[in-house]
N, C-alpha and C. Protein backbone atom coordinates (compact mmCIF):
# COMPACT_ATOMS: atom_id res chain seq x y z
N MET A 1 -20.57 -35.79 24.94
CA MET A 1 -20.13 -34.82 24.23
C MET A 1 -19.85 -33.36 25.23
N ARG A 2 -18.68 -32.89 25.16
CA ARG A 2 -18.27 -32.00 25.76
C ARG A 2 -19.21 -30.63 25.60
N SER A 3 -19.38 -29.37 26.46
CA SER A 3 -20.45 -28.48 26.23
C SER A 3 -19.83 -27.17 25.78
N LEU A 4 -18.95 -27.17 25.23
CA LEU A 4 -18.10 -25.86 24.87
C LEU A 4 -17.27 -25.83 23.37
N ILE A 5 -18.29 -25.55 22.40
CA ILE A 5 -17.59 -25.74 21.26
C ILE A 5 -17.45 -24.07 20.51
N MET A 6 -16.59 -24.01 19.52
CA MET A 6 -16.61 -22.61 18.74
C MET A 6 -16.69 -22.72 17.17
N VAL A 7 -17.47 -21.93 16.75
CA VAL A 7 -17.62 -21.98 15.48
C VAL A 7 -16.98 -20.61 14.72
N ALA A 8 -16.00 -20.96 13.87
CA ALA A 8 -15.09 -19.67 13.22
C ALA A 8 -15.21 -19.52 11.87
N GLY A 9 -14.58 -18.66 11.24
CA GLY A 9 -14.59 -18.35 9.94
C GLY A 9 -14.48 -16.87 9.67
N THR A 10 -14.13 -16.56 8.28
CA THR A 10 -14.05 -15.19 7.64
C THR A 10 -15.31 -14.89 7.85
N PRO A 11 -15.41 -13.36 8.02
CA PRO A 11 -16.67 -12.79 7.99
C PRO A 11 -17.61 -12.87 6.67
N GLY A 12 -18.72 -13.38 6.44
CA GLY A 12 -19.66 -13.62 5.64
C GLY A 12 -19.83 -15.08 5.17
N VAL A 13 -19.21 -15.92 5.97
CA VAL A 13 -19.33 -17.47 5.54
C VAL A 13 -20.49 -18.17 6.31
N GLY A 14 -21.36 -17.46 6.75
CA GLY A 14 -22.41 -17.91 7.39
C GLY A 14 -22.39 -18.29 8.94
N LYS A 15 -21.63 -18.01 9.71
CA LYS A 15 -21.37 -18.28 11.10
C LYS A 15 -22.75 -18.34 12.19
N THR A 16 -23.07 -17.07 11.86
CA THR A 16 -24.14 -16.59 12.59
C THR A 16 -25.55 -17.41 12.45
N ALA A 17 -25.73 -17.51 11.31
CA ALA A 17 -27.35 -18.55 10.81
C ALA A 17 -27.02 -19.88 11.46
N VAL A 18 -26.02 -20.43 11.05
CA VAL A 18 -25.44 -21.97 11.37
C VAL A 18 -25.56 -21.91 13.12
N CYS A 19 -25.07 -20.87 13.83
CA CYS A 19 -25.04 -20.96 15.47
C CYS A 19 -26.52 -20.87 16.07
N ARG A 20 -27.13 -20.14 15.08
CA ARG A 20 -28.65 -19.84 15.80
C ARG A 20 -29.35 -21.33 15.54
N ILE A 21 -29.04 -22.07 14.48
CA ILE A 21 -29.87 -23.37 14.23
C ILE A 21 -29.29 -24.40 15.11
N LEU A 22 -27.84 -24.27 15.35
CA LEU A 22 -27.21 -25.51 16.04
C LEU A 22 -27.89 -24.92 17.81
N ALA A 23 -27.71 -23.72 18.15
CA ALA A 23 -28.50 -23.19 19.60
C ALA A 23 -29.72 -24.14 19.95
N ARG A 24 -30.41 -23.98 19.00
CA ARG A 24 -31.82 -24.33 18.75
C ARG A 24 -32.16 -25.70 18.76
N ARG A 25 -31.23 -26.48 18.22
CA ARG A 25 -31.44 -27.96 18.05
C ARG A 25 -30.79 -28.64 19.18
N LEU A 26 -29.98 -27.98 19.80
CA LEU A 26 -29.29 -28.22 21.02
C LEU A 26 -29.42 -27.93 22.33
N HIS A 27 -30.27 -27.16 22.15
CA HIS A 27 -30.68 -26.15 23.50
C HIS A 27 -29.57 -25.79 23.97
N TRP A 28 -28.63 -25.01 23.42
CA TRP A 28 -27.63 -24.76 23.86
C TRP A 28 -27.43 -23.15 23.79
N SER A 29 -26.85 -22.21 24.87
CA SER A 29 -26.25 -20.79 24.58
C SER A 29 -25.68 -20.80 23.45
N HIS A 30 -26.28 -19.47 22.75
CA HIS A 30 -25.22 -18.77 21.73
C HIS A 30 -24.78 -17.74 21.78
N VAL A 31 -23.36 -17.41 21.85
CA VAL A 31 -22.92 -16.32 22.43
C VAL A 31 -21.94 -15.49 20.94
N ASP A 32 -22.24 -14.65 20.36
CA ASP A 32 -21.66 -13.87 19.26
C ASP A 32 -20.53 -13.15 20.00
N CYS A 33 -18.95 -13.56 19.87
CA CYS A 33 -18.20 -12.77 20.57
C CYS A 33 -18.05 -11.44 19.96
N GLY A 34 -18.26 -11.03 18.91
CA GLY A 34 -18.04 -9.64 18.33
C GLY A 34 -19.06 -8.87 18.79
N ARG A 35 -20.18 -9.23 19.01
CA ARG A 35 -21.22 -8.28 19.60
C ARG A 35 -21.24 -8.24 21.19
N LEU A 36 -20.80 -9.34 21.87
CA LEU A 36 -20.45 -9.34 23.14
C LEU A 36 -19.26 -8.20 23.45
N ALA A 37 -18.24 -8.29 22.50
CA ALA A 37 -17.22 -7.28 22.95
C ALA A 37 -17.68 -5.97 22.62
N LEU A 38 -18.44 -5.56 21.67
CA LEU A 38 -19.00 -3.89 21.64
C LEU A 38 -19.72 -3.80 22.96
N ARG A 39 -20.88 -4.85 23.05
CA ARG A 39 -21.48 -4.46 24.34
C ARG A 39 -20.68 -4.27 25.64
N GLU A 40 -19.73 -5.03 25.86
CA GLU A 40 -19.08 -4.92 26.87
C GLU A 40 -17.93 -3.64 26.86
N GLY A 41 -17.67 -2.84 25.63
CA GLY A 41 -17.00 -1.62 25.66
C GLY A 41 -15.47 -2.13 25.23
N LEU A 42 -15.14 -3.22 24.52
CA LEU A 42 -14.00 -3.89 24.46
C LEU A 42 -13.07 -3.46 22.85
N ALA A 43 -13.88 -2.47 22.35
CA ALA A 43 -13.02 -1.84 21.22
C ALA A 43 -12.04 -0.95 21.63
N ILE A 44 -10.92 -1.38 20.87
CA ILE A 44 -9.97 -0.17 21.24
C ILE A 44 -10.09 0.95 20.33
N LYS A 45 -10.17 0.63 19.00
CA LYS A 45 -10.44 1.89 18.30
C LYS A 45 -11.37 1.43 16.95
N TYR A 46 -11.98 2.56 16.41
CA TYR A 46 -12.98 2.26 15.12
C TYR A 46 -11.88 2.70 14.09
N ASP A 47 -11.62 1.68 13.12
CA ASP A 47 -10.97 2.19 11.58
C ASP A 47 -12.15 2.52 10.84
N ARG A 48 -12.10 3.80 10.32
CA ARG A 48 -13.25 4.52 9.41
C ARG A 48 -12.88 3.82 8.04
N THR A 49 -11.72 3.60 7.73
CA THR A 49 -11.57 3.36 6.30
C THR A 49 -12.14 1.76 6.03
N ALA A 50 -12.06 0.95 7.11
CA ALA A 50 -12.30 -0.32 6.77
C ALA A 50 -13.57 -0.68 7.59
N ARG A 51 -14.28 0.24 8.24
CA ARG A 51 -15.91 0.60 8.91
C ARG A 51 -15.49 -1.01 10.03
N THR A 52 -14.44 -1.16 10.76
CA THR A 52 -14.67 -2.29 11.80
C THR A 52 -14.17 -1.86 12.79
N TYR A 53 -14.21 -2.34 14.06
CA TYR A 53 -13.58 -2.05 15.43
C TYR A 53 -12.51 -3.32 15.52
N HIS A 54 -11.33 -2.60 16.40
CA HIS A 54 -10.20 -3.24 16.84
C HIS A 54 -10.58 -3.58 18.13
N ILE A 55 -10.62 -4.78 18.55
CA ILE A 55 -10.99 -5.60 19.80
C ILE A 55 -10.14 -5.91 20.60
N ASP A 56 -9.84 -5.49 21.97
CA ASP A 56 -8.93 -5.82 22.99
C ASP A 56 -9.28 -7.54 23.25
N LEU A 57 -8.33 -8.18 22.83
CA LEU A 57 -8.16 -9.73 22.56
C LEU A 57 -8.27 -10.23 23.98
N GLU A 58 -7.58 -9.50 24.86
CA GLU A 58 -7.19 -10.22 26.24
C GLU A 58 -8.34 -9.69 27.27
N ARG A 59 -8.87 -9.08 27.04
CA ARG A 59 -9.95 -8.51 27.81
C ARG A 59 -11.29 -9.26 27.50
N LEU A 60 -11.41 -9.53 26.08
CA LEU A 60 -12.34 -10.14 25.34
C LEU A 60 -12.29 -11.75 26.03
N SER A 61 -11.10 -12.37 26.00
CA SER A 61 -10.86 -13.54 26.80
C SER A 61 -11.31 -13.82 28.25
N ARG A 62 -11.10 -12.73 28.72
CA ARG A 62 -11.50 -12.54 30.37
C ARG A 62 -12.74 -12.40 30.38
N VAL A 63 -13.59 -11.81 29.70
CA VAL A 63 -15.16 -11.51 29.69
C VAL A 63 -15.72 -12.88 29.35
N LEU A 64 -15.27 -13.69 28.08
CA LEU A 64 -15.75 -14.83 27.57
C LEU A 64 -15.63 -15.78 29.04
N LYS A 65 -14.61 -16.00 29.72
CA LYS A 65 -14.12 -17.14 30.74
C LYS A 65 -15.41 -16.66 31.69
N ASP A 66 -15.50 -15.64 31.70
CA ASP A 66 -16.76 -15.53 33.03
C ASP A 66 -18.05 -15.53 32.53
N THR A 67 -18.59 -15.42 31.11
CA THR A 67 -19.61 -15.80 30.26
C THR A 67 -19.81 -17.11 30.49
N VAL A 68 -18.49 -17.99 30.04
CA VAL A 68 -18.84 -19.34 30.06
C VAL A 68 -19.07 -19.97 31.52
N ASN A 69 -18.47 -19.20 32.48
CA ASN A 69 -18.47 -19.95 33.98
C ASN A 69 -19.98 -19.78 34.49
N ARG A 70 -20.73 -18.49 33.86
CA ARG A 70 -21.98 -18.17 34.46
C ARG A 70 -22.93 -19.07 33.84
N LEU A 71 -22.59 -19.26 32.42
CA LEU A 71 -23.70 -20.00 31.57
C LEU A 71 -23.63 -21.28 32.08
N GLY A 72 -22.16 -21.75 32.31
CA GLY A 72 -22.31 -23.16 33.01
C GLY A 72 -21.87 -24.54 31.79
N THR A 73 -23.13 -24.80 31.10
CA THR A 73 -23.02 -25.81 30.18
C THR A 73 -23.62 -25.56 28.84
N GLY A 74 -23.18 -26.17 28.00
CA GLY A 74 -23.82 -26.19 26.27
C GLY A 74 -23.96 -24.82 26.03
N ILE A 75 -22.82 -24.46 25.49
CA ILE A 75 -22.14 -23.05 24.70
C ILE A 75 -21.65 -23.34 23.53
N ILE A 76 -22.14 -22.29 22.44
CA ILE A 76 -21.62 -22.20 21.32
C ILE A 76 -21.04 -20.57 21.26
N LEU A 77 -19.37 -20.47 21.02
CA LEU A 77 -18.94 -19.46 20.81
C LEU A 77 -18.85 -19.26 19.14
N GLU A 78 -19.29 -18.05 18.77
CA GLU A 78 -19.15 -17.56 17.32
C GLU A 78 -18.15 -16.55 17.23
N GLY A 79 -17.70 -16.28 16.29
CA GLY A 79 -17.05 -15.23 15.65
C GLY A 79 -15.40 -15.37 15.14
N HIS A 80 -15.11 -14.65 13.85
CA HIS A 80 -13.75 -14.60 13.20
C HIS A 80 -12.50 -14.44 14.37
N LEU A 81 -12.91 -13.95 15.74
CA LEU A 81 -11.62 -13.79 16.60
C LEU A 81 -11.41 -14.90 17.33
N VAL A 82 -12.37 -15.96 17.22
CA VAL A 82 -12.36 -17.04 18.66
C VAL A 82 -11.05 -17.95 18.51
N PRO A 83 -10.53 -18.15 17.34
CA PRO A 83 -9.28 -18.94 17.06
C PRO A 83 -8.25 -18.20 17.97
N SER A 84 -8.10 -16.82 18.35
CA SER A 84 -6.95 -16.11 18.82
C SER A 84 -7.21 -16.26 20.39
N LEU A 85 -8.44 -16.93 20.87
CA LEU A 85 -8.78 -17.17 22.56
C LEU A 85 -8.03 -18.58 22.72
N LYS A 86 -7.10 -18.48 22.88
CA LYS A 86 -6.16 -19.70 23.41
C LYS A 86 -6.72 -20.17 24.69
N GLU A 87 -6.96 -19.13 25.61
CA GLU A 87 -7.03 -19.47 27.17
C GLU A 87 -8.25 -20.18 27.40
N LEU A 88 -9.28 -20.22 26.12
CA LEU A 88 -10.44 -21.19 26.45
C LEU A 88 -10.09 -22.56 25.84
N ALA A 89 -11.39 -23.59 26.33
CA ALA A 89 -11.02 -24.83 26.02
C ALA A 89 -12.18 -26.02 25.43
N PRO A 90 -12.17 -25.39 23.79
CA PRO A 90 -13.43 -25.80 23.43
C PRO A 90 -13.16 -27.62 23.20
N SER A 91 -14.25 -28.14 22.78
CA SER A 91 -14.06 -29.63 22.47
C SER A 91 -13.70 -29.70 21.21
N ARG A 92 -14.31 -28.75 20.17
CA ARG A 92 -14.38 -28.55 18.86
C ARG A 92 -14.35 -27.42 18.56
N VAL A 93 -13.29 -26.97 17.32
CA VAL A 93 -13.49 -25.71 16.67
C VAL A 93 -13.72 -26.08 15.27
N PHE A 94 -15.15 -25.58 14.87
CA PHE A 94 -15.45 -25.75 13.42
C PHE A 94 -15.27 -24.59 12.63
N VAL A 95 -14.46 -24.75 11.63
CA VAL A 95 -14.16 -23.11 10.92
C VAL A 95 -14.73 -23.52 9.81
N LEU A 96 -15.76 -22.61 9.36
CA LEU A 96 -16.16 -22.43 8.17
C LEU A 96 -15.84 -21.80 6.82
N ARG A 97 -15.88 -22.65 5.80
CA ARG A 97 -15.24 -21.87 4.48
C ARG A 97 -15.99 -21.78 3.47
N CYS A 98 -15.70 -20.48 2.61
CA CYS A 98 -16.78 -20.27 1.53
C CYS A 98 -16.03 -19.85 0.56
N ASP A 99 -16.09 -20.43 -0.85
CA ASP A 99 -15.59 -19.89 -2.00
C ASP A 99 -15.42 -18.45 -2.01
N PRO A 100 -14.61 -17.96 -2.36
CA PRO A 100 -14.10 -16.46 -2.30
C PRO A 100 -15.11 -15.68 -3.25
N ARG A 101 -15.42 -16.43 -4.46
CA ARG A 101 -16.17 -15.68 -5.11
C ARG A 101 -17.87 -15.47 -4.61
N ARG A 102 -18.16 -16.31 -3.94
CA ARG A 102 -19.37 -16.50 -3.18
C ARG A 102 -19.11 -15.29 -2.18
N LEU A 103 -18.20 -15.34 -1.34
CA LEU A 103 -17.88 -14.34 -0.16
C LEU A 103 -17.71 -13.14 -0.77
N LEU A 104 -16.98 -12.80 -2.02
CA LEU A 104 -17.21 -11.19 -2.38
C LEU A 104 -18.54 -10.80 -2.49
N SER A 105 -19.19 -11.72 -3.21
CA SER A 105 -20.89 -11.33 -3.53
C SER A 105 -21.47 -11.11 -2.26
N ARG A 106 -21.39 -11.81 -0.89
CA ARG A 106 -21.97 -11.89 0.17
C ARG A 106 -21.65 -10.41 0.86
N LEU A 107 -20.28 -10.12 0.91
CA LEU A 107 -19.81 -9.12 1.49
C LEU A 107 -20.38 -7.64 1.00
N ARG A 108 -20.33 -7.83 -0.56
CA ARG A 108 -20.88 -6.79 -1.17
C ARG A 108 -22.19 -6.35 -0.90
N GLN A 109 -23.10 -7.47 -0.61
CA GLN A 109 -24.44 -7.11 -0.21
C GLN A 109 -24.87 -6.62 1.10
N LYS A 110 -23.78 -7.12 2.04
CA LYS A 110 -23.77 -6.52 3.58
C LYS A 110 -23.32 -5.20 3.50
N GLY A 111 -22.88 -4.46 2.51
CA GLY A 111 -22.23 -3.42 2.39
C GLY A 111 -21.00 -3.12 3.02
N TYR A 112 -20.12 -3.96 3.03
CA TYR A 112 -18.57 -3.66 3.58
C TYR A 112 -18.08 -2.82 2.14
N SER A 113 -16.88 -2.27 2.77
CA SER A 113 -16.18 -1.39 2.01
C SER A 113 -15.30 -2.26 0.98
N ARG A 114 -14.84 -1.77 -0.21
CA ARG A 114 -13.95 -2.52 -1.02
C ARG A 114 -12.70 -3.00 -0.45
N SER A 115 -11.78 -2.14 0.36
CA SER A 115 -10.67 -2.80 1.03
C SER A 115 -11.16 -3.41 1.87
N LYS A 116 -12.22 -3.52 2.70
CA LYS A 116 -12.46 -4.54 3.74
C LYS A 116 -12.82 -5.81 3.21
N ILE A 117 -13.60 -5.86 1.99
CA ILE A 117 -13.85 -7.07 1.26
C ILE A 117 -12.46 -7.71 0.68
N ALA A 118 -11.47 -7.00 0.21
CA ALA A 118 -10.45 -7.51 -0.34
C ALA A 118 -9.73 -8.32 0.84
N GLU A 119 -9.57 -7.59 1.84
CA GLU A 119 -8.71 -7.94 3.14
C GLU A 119 -9.44 -9.44 3.77
N ASN A 120 -10.81 -9.48 3.61
CA ASN A 120 -11.49 -10.74 4.35
C ASN A 120 -11.21 -11.87 3.09
N ILE A 121 -11.40 -11.35 1.58
CA ILE A 121 -11.33 -12.53 0.80
C ILE A 121 -9.89 -12.83 0.83
N ALA A 122 -8.78 -12.20 0.91
CA ALA A 122 -7.18 -12.65 1.15
C ALA A 122 -7.26 -13.75 2.48
N ALA A 123 -7.71 -13.15 3.49
CA ALA A 123 -7.86 -13.91 4.59
C ALA A 123 -8.34 -15.51 4.39
N GLU A 124 -9.60 -15.48 3.67
CA GLU A 124 -10.09 -16.80 3.12
C GLU A 124 -9.26 -17.62 2.59
N ILE A 125 -8.57 -16.61 1.27
CA ILE A 125 -7.53 -17.80 0.52
C ILE A 125 -6.43 -18.02 1.18
N LEU A 126 -6.00 -17.53 2.13
CA LEU A 126 -4.67 -17.67 2.89
C LEU A 126 -5.09 -18.42 4.08
N ASP A 127 -6.40 -18.90 4.21
CA ASP A 127 -6.63 -20.03 5.39
C ASP A 127 -6.42 -19.28 6.81
N VAL A 128 -6.48 -17.96 6.90
CA VAL A 128 -5.94 -17.36 8.11
C VAL A 128 -6.78 -17.89 9.36
N CYS A 129 -7.97 -18.00 9.21
CA CYS A 129 -8.98 -18.54 10.52
C CYS A 129 -8.59 -19.88 10.95
N LEU A 130 -8.30 -20.85 9.72
CA LEU A 130 -7.94 -22.27 9.82
C LEU A 130 -6.58 -22.21 10.81
N SER A 131 -5.59 -21.55 10.08
CA SER A 131 -4.41 -21.39 10.43
C SER A 131 -4.37 -21.30 12.14
N GLU A 132 -5.23 -20.26 12.34
CA GLU A 132 -4.92 -19.76 13.86
C GLU A 132 -5.74 -20.74 14.54
N ALA A 133 -6.81 -21.34 14.26
CA ALA A 133 -7.27 -22.19 14.95
C ALA A 133 -6.76 -23.57 15.29
N VAL A 134 -5.89 -24.06 14.51
CA VAL A 134 -5.02 -25.12 14.46
C VAL A 134 -3.79 -24.71 15.35
N LYS A 135 -3.24 -23.44 15.38
CA LYS A 135 -2.08 -22.95 16.29
C LYS A 135 -2.74 -22.97 17.51
N SER A 136 -3.89 -22.59 17.56
CA SER A 136 -4.30 -22.39 19.22
C SER A 136 -4.82 -23.68 19.79
N PHE A 137 -5.45 -24.34 19.30
CA PHE A 137 -5.97 -25.52 19.55
C PHE A 137 -5.83 -26.98 19.22
N GLY A 138 -4.87 -27.18 18.32
CA GLY A 138 -4.54 -28.43 17.70
C GLY A 138 -5.14 -28.83 16.86
N VAL A 139 -4.82 -29.93 15.70
CA VAL A 139 -5.07 -29.94 14.73
C VAL A 139 -6.78 -31.10 14.90
N ARG A 140 -6.33 -31.51 16.10
CA ARG A 140 -7.48 -32.74 16.32
C ARG A 140 -8.69 -32.19 16.79
N ARG A 141 -8.61 -31.23 17.25
CA ARG A 141 -9.79 -30.39 17.79
C ARG A 141 -10.58 -29.49 16.64
N VAL A 142 -9.81 -29.27 15.62
CA VAL A 142 -10.42 -28.54 14.34
C VAL A 142 -11.04 -29.34 13.46
N CYS A 143 -12.07 -28.80 13.14
CA CYS A 143 -13.01 -29.48 12.06
C CYS A 143 -13.23 -28.19 10.65
N GLU A 144 -12.59 -28.19 9.40
CA GLU A 144 -13.09 -27.60 8.24
C GLU A 144 -14.10 -27.99 7.61
N ILE A 145 -15.16 -27.13 7.38
CA ILE A 145 -16.33 -27.26 6.73
C ILE A 145 -16.42 -26.16 5.71
N ASP A 146 -16.48 -27.18 4.11
CA ASP A 146 -16.64 -26.18 3.24
C ASP A 146 -18.16 -25.90 2.99
N ALA A 147 -18.68 -24.58 3.22
CA ALA A 147 -20.03 -24.25 3.10
C ALA A 147 -20.38 -23.63 1.95
N SER A 148 -19.79 -23.53 1.17
CA SER A 148 -20.09 -22.75 -0.17
C SER A 148 -21.48 -23.23 -0.99
N GLU A 149 -21.53 -24.77 -0.52
CA GLU A 149 -22.65 -25.13 -1.51
C GLU A 149 -23.89 -25.69 -0.52
N LYS A 150 -23.54 -25.50 0.77
CA LYS A 150 -24.80 -25.61 1.83
C LYS A 150 -25.50 -24.63 2.33
N ASP A 151 -26.83 -24.76 2.54
CA ASP A 151 -27.25 -23.70 3.26
C ASP A 151 -27.04 -24.16 4.76
N PRO A 152 -27.23 -22.96 5.52
CA PRO A 152 -27.05 -23.02 7.22
C PRO A 152 -27.56 -24.29 7.69
N SER A 153 -28.83 -24.80 7.17
CA SER A 153 -29.36 -26.06 7.98
C SER A 153 -28.53 -27.28 7.78
N GLU A 154 -27.86 -27.15 6.67
CA GLU A 154 -26.86 -28.58 6.16
C GLU A 154 -25.76 -28.51 7.07
N VAL A 155 -25.21 -27.04 6.95
CA VAL A 155 -24.23 -27.08 7.77
C VAL A 155 -24.18 -27.17 9.05
N ALA A 156 -25.25 -26.72 9.57
CA ALA A 156 -25.63 -27.20 11.01
C ALA A 156 -25.87 -28.82 11.58
N SER A 157 -26.60 -29.33 10.50
CA SER A 157 -26.62 -30.89 10.48
C SER A 157 -25.18 -31.65 10.40
N ALA A 158 -24.14 -31.11 9.42
CA ALA A 158 -23.01 -31.56 9.58
C ALA A 158 -22.07 -31.37 10.82
N ILE A 159 -22.49 -30.34 11.23
CA ILE A 159 -21.59 -30.28 12.67
C ILE A 159 -22.38 -30.98 13.65
N LEU A 160 -23.81 -31.25 13.71
CA LEU A 160 -24.11 -32.21 14.74
C LEU A 160 -23.72 -33.65 14.60
N ARG A 161 -23.71 -34.14 13.18
CA ARG A 161 -23.41 -35.69 13.45
C ARG A 161 -21.77 -35.63 13.72
N ILE A 162 -20.99 -34.86 13.53
CA ILE A 162 -19.46 -34.69 13.97
C ILE A 162 -19.83 -34.95 15.61
N LEU A 163 -20.43 -33.92 16.25
CA LEU A 163 -20.39 -33.82 17.85
C LEU A 163 -20.77 -35.18 18.06
N ARG A 164 -21.85 -36.09 17.52
CA ARG A 164 -22.65 -37.00 18.39
C ARG A 164 -21.88 -38.37 17.75
N GLY A 165 -20.97 -38.14 16.85
CA GLY A 165 -20.09 -39.19 16.54
C GLY A 165 -20.77 -40.04 15.29
N SER A 166 -21.68 -39.73 14.91
CA SER A 166 -22.46 -40.46 13.89
C SER A 166 -21.91 -40.16 12.71
N SER A 167 -21.03 -39.09 12.71
CA SER A 167 -20.14 -38.90 11.04
C SER A 167 -19.03 -38.78 11.53
N ARG A 168 -17.89 -39.64 10.68
CA ARG A 168 -16.45 -39.45 10.92
C ARG A 168 -15.84 -38.13 10.39
N TYR A 169 -15.26 -37.59 10.83
CA TYR A 169 -14.81 -36.25 10.23
C TYR A 169 -13.85 -36.25 9.25
N ALA A 170 -13.74 -35.99 8.45
CA ALA A 170 -12.62 -36.34 6.84
C ALA A 170 -12.45 -34.85 6.62
N PRO A 171 -11.43 -34.22 6.77
CA PRO A 171 -10.94 -33.26 6.20
C PRO A 171 -11.15 -32.93 5.09
N PRO A 172 -11.90 -31.70 4.39
CA PRO A 172 -11.93 -31.53 3.14
C PRO A 172 -10.70 -30.85 2.39
N HIS A 173 -9.87 -30.51 2.99
CA HIS A 173 -8.40 -30.08 2.36
C HIS A 173 -8.82 -28.73 1.07
N VAL A 174 -9.60 -27.75 1.79
CA VAL A 174 -9.83 -26.67 1.10
C VAL A 174 -8.82 -25.96 0.30
N ASP A 175 -8.53 -26.03 -0.88
CA ASP A 175 -7.32 -25.07 -1.34
C ASP A 175 -8.05 -24.25 -2.52
N TRP A 176 -8.05 -23.08 -1.72
CA TRP A 176 -9.07 -22.13 -2.95
C TRP A 176 -7.91 -21.64 -4.15
N ILE A 177 -6.80 -21.45 -3.73
CA ILE A 177 -6.04 -21.12 -4.86
C ILE A 177 -6.00 -21.93 -5.89
N ASN A 178 -5.71 -23.17 -5.85
CA ASN A 178 -5.91 -24.47 -6.77
C ASN A 178 -7.16 -24.39 -7.54
N ARG A 179 -8.31 -24.16 -6.64
CA ARG A 179 -9.43 -24.37 -7.28
C ARG A 179 -9.93 -23.10 -8.11
N LEU A 180 -9.62 -22.14 -7.65
CA LEU A 180 -9.93 -20.90 -8.32
C LEU A 180 -9.01 -20.97 -9.73
N ASP A 181 -7.60 -21.30 -9.82
CA ASP A 181 -6.78 -21.39 -10.93
C ASP A 181 -7.45 -22.49 -11.92
N SER A 182 -7.58 -23.47 -11.62
CA SER A 182 -8.44 -24.70 -12.26
C SER A 182 -9.68 -23.83 -13.06
N GLU A 183 -10.37 -23.17 -12.55
CA GLU A 183 -11.64 -22.95 -12.72
C GLU A 183 -11.35 -21.46 -13.51
N GLY A 184 -10.29 -21.03 -13.78
CA GLY A 184 -10.12 -19.65 -14.32
C GLY A 184 -10.53 -18.38 -13.57
N GLY A 185 -10.92 -18.63 -12.17
CA GLY A 185 -11.20 -17.43 -11.67
C GLY A 185 -10.17 -16.67 -10.79
N LEU A 186 -9.00 -17.36 -10.74
CA LEU A 186 -8.02 -16.65 -10.01
C LEU A 186 -7.51 -15.13 -10.06
N PRO A 187 -7.30 -14.97 -11.38
CA PRO A 187 -6.66 -13.53 -12.08
C PRO A 187 -7.76 -12.55 -11.70
N GLU A 188 -9.04 -12.83 -11.41
CA GLU A 188 -10.24 -11.68 -11.36
C GLU A 188 -9.96 -11.20 -9.88
N ILE A 189 -9.82 -12.43 -8.80
CA ILE A 189 -10.03 -12.23 -7.50
C ILE A 189 -8.81 -11.70 -7.03
N LEU A 190 -7.85 -12.31 -7.45
CA LEU A 190 -6.27 -11.14 -7.21
C LEU A 190 -6.34 -9.80 -7.53
N SER A 191 -7.24 -9.77 -8.69
CA SER A 191 -7.14 -8.46 -9.36
C SER A 191 -7.97 -7.40 -8.33
N TYR A 192 -8.82 -8.20 -7.89
CA TYR A 192 -9.88 -7.51 -6.49
C TYR A 192 -9.28 -7.19 -5.77
N ILE A 193 -8.41 -8.08 -4.95
CA ILE A 193 -7.54 -7.97 -3.79
C ILE A 193 -6.80 -6.77 -4.05
N GLU A 194 -5.80 -6.75 -5.21
CA GLU A 194 -4.78 -5.86 -5.13
C GLU A 194 -5.67 -4.20 -5.20
N GLU A 195 -6.84 -4.08 -5.85
CA GLU A 195 -7.55 -2.85 -6.33
C GLU A 195 -8.05 -2.59 -4.79
N GLY A 196 -8.54 -3.56 -4.14
CA GLY A 196 -9.07 -3.13 -2.72
C GLY A 196 -8.07 -2.79 -1.79
N TYR A 197 -6.74 -3.25 -1.81
CA TYR A 197 -5.59 -2.81 -0.76
C TYR A 197 -5.06 -1.48 -1.22
N ARG A 198 -5.27 -1.04 -2.66
CA ARG A 198 -4.87 0.12 -3.24
C ARG A 198 -5.76 1.12 -2.75
N THR A 199 -6.98 0.62 -2.94
CA THR A 199 -8.15 1.49 -2.69
C THR A 199 -8.11 2.16 -0.99
N GLY A 200 -7.63 1.15 -0.29
CA GLY A 200 -7.54 1.33 1.34
C GLY A 200 -6.53 2.40 1.83
N ARG A 201 -5.54 2.37 0.90
CA ARG A 201 -4.27 3.01 1.26
C ARG A 201 -4.34 4.60 0.66
N SER A 202 -5.24 4.55 -0.22
CA SER A 202 -5.42 6.12 -0.77
C SER A 202 -5.90 7.05 -0.18
């Protein structure tokens, strides 16, 4: 098994909890790319409306290369930014997905602004993290996992089975638009996104 993997996904899908369990079970190092970026002073600016930092991805990539070289082996890189880090060479990239309705609830609990929640829900519906990961690393290295109905331990176990070859990866073909539409939840979610963007512009 190669010793560098990435766990990506929209903020709120459960990456941190899953990565902590993985690191413990594998005895690997866990690097939270967002925290590392702030600790190393890689924020370009702070968006007060969205209450989020904009990160210098080029510098982050260099810092992560140094971090990976220093740690040597057994590394889990976590963050919604990792699909943009094309220079790194993970053996696998796991993109966690979450039902937009659950994601909305989680982000509210985390205290995200309405405009930031809308932005993240839209990103999840439009497969932004997944598309960026496939573009950067190729479809064969990317594994999509629907974590909506799973707790972090179950998601970690699913990842371990794929890494160890005991479970063949079968893409779940997550399609939130069709699922929400079939369950009658699409109008409400789209209305929330529209209102959130309107709030962010005002």
